[in-house]
Amino acid sequence: MQQGPDTSILLSLVNTKMPYGKYKDVLLYKIPMHYLEWMKRNGFPKSKLGQQLETLFEIKLNGLEFLLQPLINGSKTGNR
């Protein structure tokens, strides 16, 4: 049995919309870094959304957005 990275969290960053606040209905990966930094300072929610936002913060902080690009492109064409 092959084990690799769990891509479901990355897919959720590309396909999930922010459910509330200033960025309501914006796909999570499009949320700007300044908002994620604010969330980091004030504490991410203790929920799945909080985990997603914290993961996105780490991805953007470390310049790893390229990891999302194939998923973004696949999402736009209907391929996953």
PDB file of N, CA and C in Angstrom:
ATOM      1  N   MET A   1       0.845  -1.179   0.000  1.00  0.00           N
ATOM      2  CA  MET A   1       0.000   0.000   0.000  1.00  0.00           C
ATOM      3  C   MET A   1       0.888   1.239   0.000  1.00  0.00           C
ATOM      4  N   GLN A   2       0.687   2.091  -0.988  1.00  0.00           N
ATOM      5  CA  GLN A   2       1.496   3.295  -1.108  1.00  0.00           C
ATOM      6  C   GLN A   2       0.894   4.417  -0.275  1.00  0.00           C
ATOM      7  N   GLN A   3       1.747   5.071   0.466  1.00  0.00           N
ATOM      8  CA  GLN A   3       1.307   6.229   1.234  1.00  0.00           C
ATOM      9  C   GLN A   3       2.007   7.461   0.698  1.00  0.00           C
ATOM     10  N   GLY A   4       1.239   8.497   0.519  1.00  0.00           N
ATOM     11  CA  GLY A   4       1.788   9.759   0.054  1.00  0.00           C
ATOM     12  C   GLY A   4       1.097  10.883   0.780  1.00  0.00           C
ATOM     13  N   PRO A   5       1.369  12.089   0.362  1.00  0.00           N
ATOM     14  CA  PRO A   5       0.723  13.228   1.013  1.00  0.00           C
ATOM     15  C   PRO A   5      -0.786  13.203   0.790  1.00  0.00           C
ATOM     16  N   ASP A   6      -1.499  13.656   1.782  1.00  0.00           N
ATOM     17  CA  ASP A   6      -2.958  13.759   1.695  1.00  0.00           C
ATOM     18  C   ASP A   6      -3.293  15.065   0.985  1.00  0.00           C
ATOM     19  N   THR A   7      -3.755  14.959  -0.242  1.00  0.00           N
ATOM     20  CA  THR A   7      -4.046  16.158  -1.030  1.00  0.00           C
ATOM     21  C   THR A   7      -5.425  16.734  -0.736  1.00  0.00           C
ATOM     22  N   SER A   8      -6.204  16.064   0.093  1.00  0.00           N
ATOM     23  CA  SER A   8      -7.565  16.552   0.343  1.00  0.00           C
ATOM     24  C   SER A   8      -7.562  17.939   0.986  1.00  0.00           C
ATOM     25  N   ILE A   9      -6.586  18.221   1.851  1.00  0.00           N
ATOM     26  CA  ILE A   9      -6.527  19.551   2.480  1.00  0.00           C
ATOM     27  C   ILE A   9      -6.216  20.612   1.425  1.00  0.00           C
ATOM     28  N   LEU A  10      -5.321  20.293   0.488  1.00  0.00           N
ATOM     29  CA  LEU A  10      -4.998  21.249  -0.573  1.00  0.00           C
ATOM     30  C   LEU A  10      -6.200  21.468  -1.489  1.00  0.00           C
ATOM     31  N   LEU A  11      -6.902  20.395  -1.812  1.00  0.00           N
ATOM     32  CA  LEU A  11      -8.112  20.532  -2.629  1.00  0.00           C
ATOM     33  C   LEU A  11      -9.147  21.398  -1.935  1.00  0.00           C
ATOM     34  N   SER A  12      -9.248  21.255  -0.632  1.00  0.00           N
ATOM     35  CA  SER A  12     -10.236  22.057   0.097  1.00  0.00           C
ATOM     36  C   SER A  12      -9.878  23.544   0.061  1.00  0.00           C
ATOM     37  N   LEU A  13      -8.590  23.877   0.013  1.00  0.00           N
ATOM     38  CA  LEU A  13      -8.174  25.280  -0.063  1.00  0.00           C
ATOM     39  C   LEU A  13      -8.569  25.899  -1.401  1.00  0.00           C
ATOM     40  N   VAL A  14      -8.615  25.078  -2.425  1.00  0.00           N
ATOM     41  CA  VAL A  14      -8.937  25.540  -3.774  1.00  0.00           C
ATOM     42  C   VAL A  14     -10.445  25.596  -4.007  1.00  0.00           C
ATOM     43  N   ASN A  15     -11.191  24.719  -3.339  1.00  0.00           N
ATOM     44  CA  ASN A  15     -12.622  24.575  -3.632  1.00  0.00           C
ATOM     45  C   ASN A  15     -13.561  25.153  -2.583  1.00  0.00           C
ATOM     46  N   THR A  16     -13.056  25.512  -1.413  1.00  0.00           N
ATOM     47  CA  THR A  16     -13.910  25.995  -0.325  1.00  0.00           C
ATOM     48  C   THR A  16     -13.956  27.515  -0.321  1.00  0.00           C
ATOM     49  N   LYS A  17     -15.144  28.045  -0.104  1.00  0.00           N
ATOM     50  CA  LYS A  17     -15.316  29.500   0.010  1.00  0.00           C
ATOM     51  C   LYS A  17     -15.378  29.896   1.478  1.00  0.00           C
ATOM     52  N   MET A  18     -14.858  31.066   1.759  1.00  0.00           N
ATOM     53  CA  MET A  18     -14.930  31.626   3.109  1.00  0.00           C
ATOM     54  C   MET A  18     -16.403  31.820   3.461  1.00  0.00           C
ATOM     55  N   PRO A  19     -16.857  31.274   4.593  1.00  0.00           N
ATOM     56  CA  PRO A  19     -18.289  31.313   4.900  1.00  0.00           C
ATOM     57  C   PRO A  19     -18.786  32.608   5.532  1.00  0.00           C
ATOM     58  N   TYR A  20     -17.887  33.495   5.963  1.00  0.00           N
ATOM     59  CA  TYR A  20     -18.333  34.704   6.666  1.00  0.00           C
ATOM     60  C   TYR A  20     -17.272  35.790   6.577  1.00  0.00           C
ATOM     61  N   GLY A  21     -17.638  36.969   7.049  1.00  0.00           N
ATOM     62  CA  GLY A  21     -16.676  38.064   7.192  1.00  0.00           C
ATOM     63  C   GLY A  21     -16.426  38.836   5.915  1.00  0.00           C
ATOM     64  N   LYS A  22     -15.365  39.622   5.964  1.00  0.00           N
ATOM     65  CA  LYS A  22     -14.992  40.506   4.866  1.00  0.00           C
ATOM     66  C   LYS A  22     -14.798  39.743   3.555  1.00  0.00           C
ATOM     67  N   TYR A  23     -14.304  38.525   3.638  1.00  0.00           N
ATOM     68  CA  TYR A  23     -14.014  37.731   2.444  1.00  0.00           C
ATOM     69  C   TYR A  23     -15.032  36.614   2.220  1.00  0.00           C
ATOM     70  N   LYS A  24     -16.260  36.832   2.681  1.00  0.00           N
ATOM     71  CA  LYS A  24     -17.326  35.852   2.483  1.00  0.00           C
ATOM     72  C   LYS A  24     -17.468  35.538   0.992  1.00  0.00           C
ATOM     73  N   ASP A  25     -17.596  34.252   0.693  1.00  0.00           N
ATOM     74  CA  ASP A  25     -17.776  33.727  -0.669  1.00  0.00           C
ATOM     75  C   ASP A  25     -16.524  33.815  -1.542  1.00  0.00           C
ATOM     76  N   VAL A  26     -15.378  34.165  -0.971  1.00  0.00           N
ATOM     77  CA  VAL A  26     -14.100  34.156  -1.694  1.00  0.00           C
ATOM     78  C   VAL A  26     -13.452  32.791  -1.461  1.00  0.00           C
ATOM     79  N   LEU A  27     -12.937  32.183  -2.534  1.00  0.00           N
ATOM     80  CA  LEU A  27     -12.224  30.920  -2.369  1.00  0.00           C
ATOM     81  C   LEU A  27     -11.050  31.128  -1.419  1.00  0.00           C
ATOM     82  N   LEU A  28     -10.828  30.165  -0.544  1.00  0.00           N
ATOM     83  CA  LEU A  28      -9.822  30.340   0.505  1.00  0.00           C
ATOM     84  C   LEU A  28      -8.452  30.706  -0.050  1.00  0.00           C
ATOM     85  N   TYR A  29      -8.025  30.064  -1.128  1.00  0.00           N
ATOM     86  CA  TYR A  29      -6.676  30.334  -1.638  1.00  0.00           C
ATOM     87  C   TYR A  29      -6.515  31.771  -2.138  1.00  0.00           C
ATOM     88  N   LYS A  30      -7.622  32.472  -2.366  1.00  0.00           N
ATOM     89  CA  LYS A  30      -7.564  33.861  -2.841  1.00  0.00           C
ATOM     90  C   LYS A  30      -7.559  34.879  -1.703  1.00  0.00           C
ATOM     91  N   ILE A  31      -7.687  34.417  -0.478  1.00  0.00           N
ATOM     92  CA  ILE A  31      -7.676  35.341   0.659  1.00  0.00           C
ATOM     93  C   ILE A  31      -6.273  35.933   0.788  1.00  0.00           C
ATOM     94  N   PRO A  32      -6.156  37.254   0.896  1.00  0.00           N
ATOM     95  CA  PRO A  32      -4.831  37.888   0.934  1.00  0.00           C
ATOM     96  C   PRO A  32      -4.063  37.583   2.217  1.00  0.00           C
ATOM     97  N   MET A  33      -2.752  37.637   2.078  1.00  0.00           N
ATOM     98  CA  MET A  33      -1.860  37.323   3.191  1.00  0.00           C
ATOM     99  C   MET A  33      -2.101  38.231   4.389  1.00  0.00           C
ATOM    100  N   HIS A  34      -2.391  39.507   4.174  1.00  0.00           N
ATOM    101  CA  HIS A  34      -2.569  40.410   5.315  1.00  0.00           C
ATOM    102  C   HIS A  34      -3.728  39.957   6.201  1.00  0.00           C
ATOM    103  N   TYR A  35      -4.749  39.376   5.604  1.00  0.00           N
ATOM    104  CA  TYR A  35      -5.872  38.861   6.397  1.00  0.00           C
ATOM    105  C   TYR A  35      -5.454  37.608   7.166  1.00  0.00           C
ATOM    106  N   LEU A  36      -4.686  36.737   6.517  1.00  0.00           N
ATOM    107  CA  LEU A  36      -4.194  35.531   7.192  1.00  0.00           C
ATOM    108  C   LEU A  36      -3.250  35.893   8.334  1.00  0.00           C
ATOM    109  N   GLU A  37      -2.442  36.940   8.142  1.00  0.00           N
ATOM    110  CA  GLU A  37      -1.562  37.409   9.225  1.00  0.00           C
ATOM    111  C   GLU A  37      -2.385  37.929  10.398  1.00  0.00           C
ATOM    112  N   TRP A  38      -3.453  38.636  10.101  1.00  0.00           N
ATOM    113  CA  TRP A  38      -4.344  39.128  11.154  1.00  0.00           C
ATOM    114  C   TRP A  38      -4.957  37.953  11.913  1.00  0.00           C
ATOM    115  N   MET A  39      -5.388  36.938  11.159  1.00  0.00           N
ATOM    116  CA  MET A  39      -5.965  35.746  11.795  1.00  0.00           C
ATOM    117  C   MET A  39      -4.920  35.053  12.674  1.00  0.00           C
ATOM    118  N   LYS A  40      -3.694  34.996  12.201  1.00  0.00           N
ATOM    119  CA  LYS A  40      -2.615  34.366  12.973  1.00  0.00           C
ATOM    120  C   LYS A  40      -2.420  35.109  14.294  1.00  0.00           C
ATOM    121  N   ARG A  41      -2.390  36.434  14.240  1.00  0.00           N
ATOM    122  CA  ARG A  41      -2.199  37.231  15.459  1.00  0.00           C
ATOM    123  C   ARG A  41      -3.360  37.071  16.435  1.00  0.00           C
ATOM    124  N   ASN A  42      -4.568  36.970  15.904  1.00  0.00           N
ATOM    125  CA  ASN A  42      -5.766  36.924  16.745  1.00  0.00           C
ATOM    126  C   ASN A  42      -6.227  35.509  17.069  1.00  0.00           C
ATOM    127  N   GLY A  43      -5.640  34.531  16.426  1.00  0.00           N
ATOM    128  CA  GLY A  43      -5.992  33.135  16.656  1.00  0.00           C
ATOM    129  C   GLY A  43      -6.937  32.606  15.590  1.00  0.00           C
ATOM    130  N   PHE A  44      -6.524  31.526  14.971  1.00  0.00           N
ATOM    131  CA  PHE A  44      -7.378  30.877  13.985  1.00  0.00           C
ATOM    132  C   PHE A  44      -8.536  30.204  14.713  1.00  0.00           C
ATOM    133  N   PRO A  45      -9.694  30.105  14.071  1.00  0.00           N
ATOM    134  CA  PRO A  45     -10.819  29.411  14.699  1.00  0.00           C
ATOM    135  C   PRO A  45     -10.444  27.961  15.026  1.00  0.00           C
ATOM    136  N   LYS A  46     -11.024  27.424  16.065  1.00  0.00           N
ATOM    137  CA  LYS A  46     -10.789  26.026  16.458  1.00  0.00           C
ATOM    138  C   LYS A  46     -11.785  25.150  15.702  1.00  0.00           C
ATOM    139  N   SER A  47     -11.529  25.004  14.415  1.00  0.00           N
ATOM    140  CA  SER A  47     -12.449  24.265  13.545  1.00  0.00           C
ATOM    141  C   SER A  47     -11.688  23.819  12.297  1.00  0.00           C
ATOM    142  N   LYS A  48     -12.398  23.091  11.439  1.00  0.00           N
ATOM    143  CA  LYS A  48     -11.797  22.697  10.164  1.00  0.00           C
ATOM    144  C   LYS A  48     -11.384  23.936   9.373  1.00  0.00           C
ATOM    145  N   LEU A  49     -12.237  24.962   9.376  1.00  0.00           N
ATOM    146  CA  LEU A  49     -11.905  26.207   8.679  1.00  0.00           C
ATOM    147  C   LEU A  49     -10.619  26.804   9.237  1.00  0.00           C
ATOM    148  N   GLY A  50     -10.457  26.791  10.537  1.00  0.00           N
ATOM    149  CA  GLY A  50      -9.237  27.294  11.156  1.00  0.00           C
ATOM    150  C   GLY A  50      -8.007  26.531  10.694  1.00  0.00           C
ATOM    151  N   GLN A  51      -8.130  25.212  10.587  1.00  0.00           N
ATOM    152  CA  GLN A  51      -7.019  24.393  10.095  1.00  0.00           C
ATOM    153  C   GLN A  51      -6.701  24.733   8.645  1.00  0.00           C
ATOM    154  N   GLN A  52      -7.752  24.941   7.854  1.00  0.00           N
ATOM    155  CA  GLN A  52      -7.541  25.300   6.450  1.00  0.00           C
ATOM    156  C   GLN A  52      -6.831  26.647   6.333  1.00  0.00           C
ATOM    157  N   LEU A  53      -7.290  27.627   7.088  1.00  0.00           N
ATOM    158  CA  LEU A  53      -6.688  28.960   7.029  1.00  0.00           C
ATOM    159  C   LEU A  53      -5.250  28.947   7.535  1.00  0.00           C
ATOM    160  N   GLU A  54      -4.995  28.184   8.585  1.00  0.00           N
ATOM    161  CA  GLU A  54      -3.624  28.090   9.105  1.00  0.00           C
ATOM    162  C   GLU A  54      -2.709  27.398   8.101  1.00  0.00           C
ATOM    163  N   THR A  55      -3.212  26.368   7.444  1.00  0.00           N
ATOM    164  CA  THR A  55      -2.435  25.696   6.398  1.00  0.00           C
ATOM    165  C   THR A  55      -2.140  26.657   5.257  1.00  0.00           C
ATOM    166  N   LEU A  56      -3.139  27.410   4.846  1.00  0.00           N
ATOM    167  CA  LEU A  56      -2.955  28.393   3.777  1.00  0.00           C
ATOM    168  C   LEU A  56      -1.937  29.456   4.183  1.00  0.00           C
ATOM    169  N   PHE A  57      -1.992  29.904   5.425  1.00  0.00           N
ATOM    170  CA  PHE A  57      -1.020  30.871   5.937  1.00  0.00           C
ATOM    171  C   PHE A  57       0.401  30.320   5.784  1.00  0.00           C
ATOM    172  N   GLU A  58       0.610  29.071   6.199  1.00  0.00           N
ATOM    173  CA  GLU A  58       1.946  28.464   6.115  1.00  0.00           C
ATOM    174  C   GLU A  58       2.390  28.307   4.662  1.00  0.00           C
ATOM    175  N   ILE A  59       1.474  27.933   3.794  1.00  0.00           N
ATOM    176  CA  ILE A  59       1.799  27.792   2.370  1.00  0.00           C
ATOM    177  C   ILE A  59       2.258  29.130   1.803  1.00  0.00           C
ATOM    178  N   LYS A  60       1.498  30.187   2.070  1.00  0.00           N
ATOM    179  CA  LYS A  60       1.849  31.509   1.539  1.00  0.00           C
ATOM    180  C   LYS A  60       3.108  32.062   2.199  1.00  0.00           C
ATOM    181  N   LEU A  61       3.249  31.869   3.497  1.00  0.00           N
ATOM    182  CA  LEU A  61       4.421  32.354   4.224  1.00  0.00           C
ATOM    183  C   LEU A  61       5.710  31.767   3.655  1.00  0.00           C
ATOM    184  N   ASN A  62       5.649  30.510   3.266  1.00  0.00           N
ATOM    185  CA  ASN A  62       6.838  29.808   2.790  1.00  0.00           C
ATOM    186  C   ASN A  62       6.960  29.778   1.267  1.00  0.00           C
ATOM    187  N   GLY A  63       6.127  30.570   0.573  1.00  0.00           N
ATOM    188  CA  GLY A  63       6.227  30.665  -0.882  1.00  0.00           C
ATOM    189  C   GLY A  63       5.881  29.382  -1.614  1.00  0.00           C
ATOM    190  N   LEU A  64       4.941  28.619  -1.085  1.00  0.00           N
ATOM    191  CA  LEU A  64       4.605  27.325  -1.666  1.00  0.00           C
ATOM    192  C   LEU A  64       3.297  27.338  -2.460  1.00  0.00           C
ATOM    193  N   GLU A  65       2.856  28.518  -2.883  1.00  0.00           N
ATOM    194  CA  GLU A  65       1.601  28.612  -3.629  1.00  0.00           C
ATOM    195  C   GLU A  65       1.616  27.765  -4.894  1.00  0.00           C
ATOM    196  N   PHE A  66       2.815  27.512  -5.436  1.00  0.00           N
ATOM    197  CA  PHE A  66       2.918  26.703  -6.647  1.00  0.00           C
ATOM    198  C   PHE A  66       2.334  25.308  -6.445  1.00  0.00           C
ATOM    199  N   LEU A  67       2.275  24.846  -5.201  1.00  0.00           N
ATOM    200  CA  LEU A  67       1.676  23.536  -4.926  1.00  0.00           C
ATOM    201  C   LEU A  67       0.178  23.523  -5.226  1.00  0.00           C
ATOM    202  N   LEU A  68      -0.448  24.678  -5.125  1.00  0.00           N
ATOM    203  CA  LEU A  68      -1.888  24.774  -5.370  1.00  0.00           C
ATOM    204  C   LEU A  68      -2.217  24.943  -6.850  1.00  0.00           C
ATOM    205  N   GLN A  69      -1.262  25.431  -7.640  1.00  0.00           N
ATOM    206  CA  GLN A  69      -1.542  25.795  -9.032  1.00  0.00           C
ATOM    207  C   GLN A  69      -2.132  24.656  -9.857  1.00  0.00           C
ATOM    208  N   PRO A  70      -1.584  23.440  -9.809  1.00  0.00           N
ATOM    209  CA  PRO A  70      -2.201  22.361 -10.600  1.00  0.00           C
ATOM    210  C   PRO A  70      -3.641  22.078 -10.175  1.00  0.00           C
ATOM    211  N   LEU A  71      -3.919  22.234  -8.901  1.00  0.00           N
ATOM    212  CA  LEU A  71      -5.274  22.001  -8.400  1.00  0.00           C
ATOM    213  C   LEU A  71      -6.207  23.125  -8.839  1.00  0.00           C
ATOM    214  N   ILE A  72      -5.691  24.350  -8.857  1.00  0.00           N
ATOM    215  CA  ILE A  72      -6.482  25.498  -9.311  1.00  0.00           C
ATOM    216  C   ILE A  72      -6.810  25.324 -10.789  1.00  0.00           C
ATOM    217  N   ASN A  73      -5.814  24.980 -11.576  1.00  0.00           N
ATOM    218  CA  ASN A  73      -6.023  24.783 -13.011  1.00  0.00           C
ATOM    219  C   ASN A  73      -6.994  23.643 -13.269  1.00  0.00           C
ATOM    220  N   GLY A  74      -6.860  22.558 -12.524  1.00  0.00           N
ATOM    221  CA  GLY A  74      -7.773  21.422 -12.668  1.00  0.00           C
ATOM    222  C   GLY A  74      -9.182  21.778 -12.275  1.00  0.00           C
ATOM    223  N   SER A  75      -9.312  22.606 -11.259  1.00  0.00           N
ATOM    224  CA  SER A  75     -10.632  23.025 -10.788  1.00  0.00           C
ATOM    225  C   SER A  75     -11.332  23.884 -11.830  1.00  0.00           C
ATOM    226  N   LYS A  76     -10.587  24.735 -12.510  1.00  0.00           N
ATOM    227  CA  LYS A  76     -11.170  25.632 -13.514  1.00  0.00           C
ATOM    228  C   LYS A  76     -11.649  24.875 -14.744  1.00  0.00           C
ATOM    229  N   THR A  77     -10.978  23.762 -15.068  1.00  0.00           N
ATOM    230  CA  THR A  77     -11.367  23.001 -16.253  1.00  0.00           C
ATOM    231  C   THR A  77     -12.348  21.892 -15.920  1.00  0.00           C
ATOM    232  N   GLY A  78     -12.672  21.755 -14.648  1.00  0.00           N
ATOM    233  CA  GLY A  78     -13.603  20.715 -14.245  1.00  0.00           C
ATOM    234  C   GLY A  78     -12.927  19.391 -13.957  1.00  0.00           C
ATOM    235  N   ASN A  79     -11.604  19.347 -14.096  1.00  0.00           N
ATOM    236  CA  ASN A  79     -10.844  18.131 -13.791  1.00  0.00           C
ATOM    237  C   ASN A  79     -10.331  18.202 -12.378  1.00  0.00           C
ATOM    238  N   ARG A  80     -10.338  17.065 -11.704  1.00  0.00           N
ATOM    239  CA  ARG A  80      -9.783  17.035 -10.341  1.00  0.00           C
ATOM    240  C   ARG A  80      -8.916  15.844 -10.171  1.00  0.00           C
TER     241      ARG A  80
END
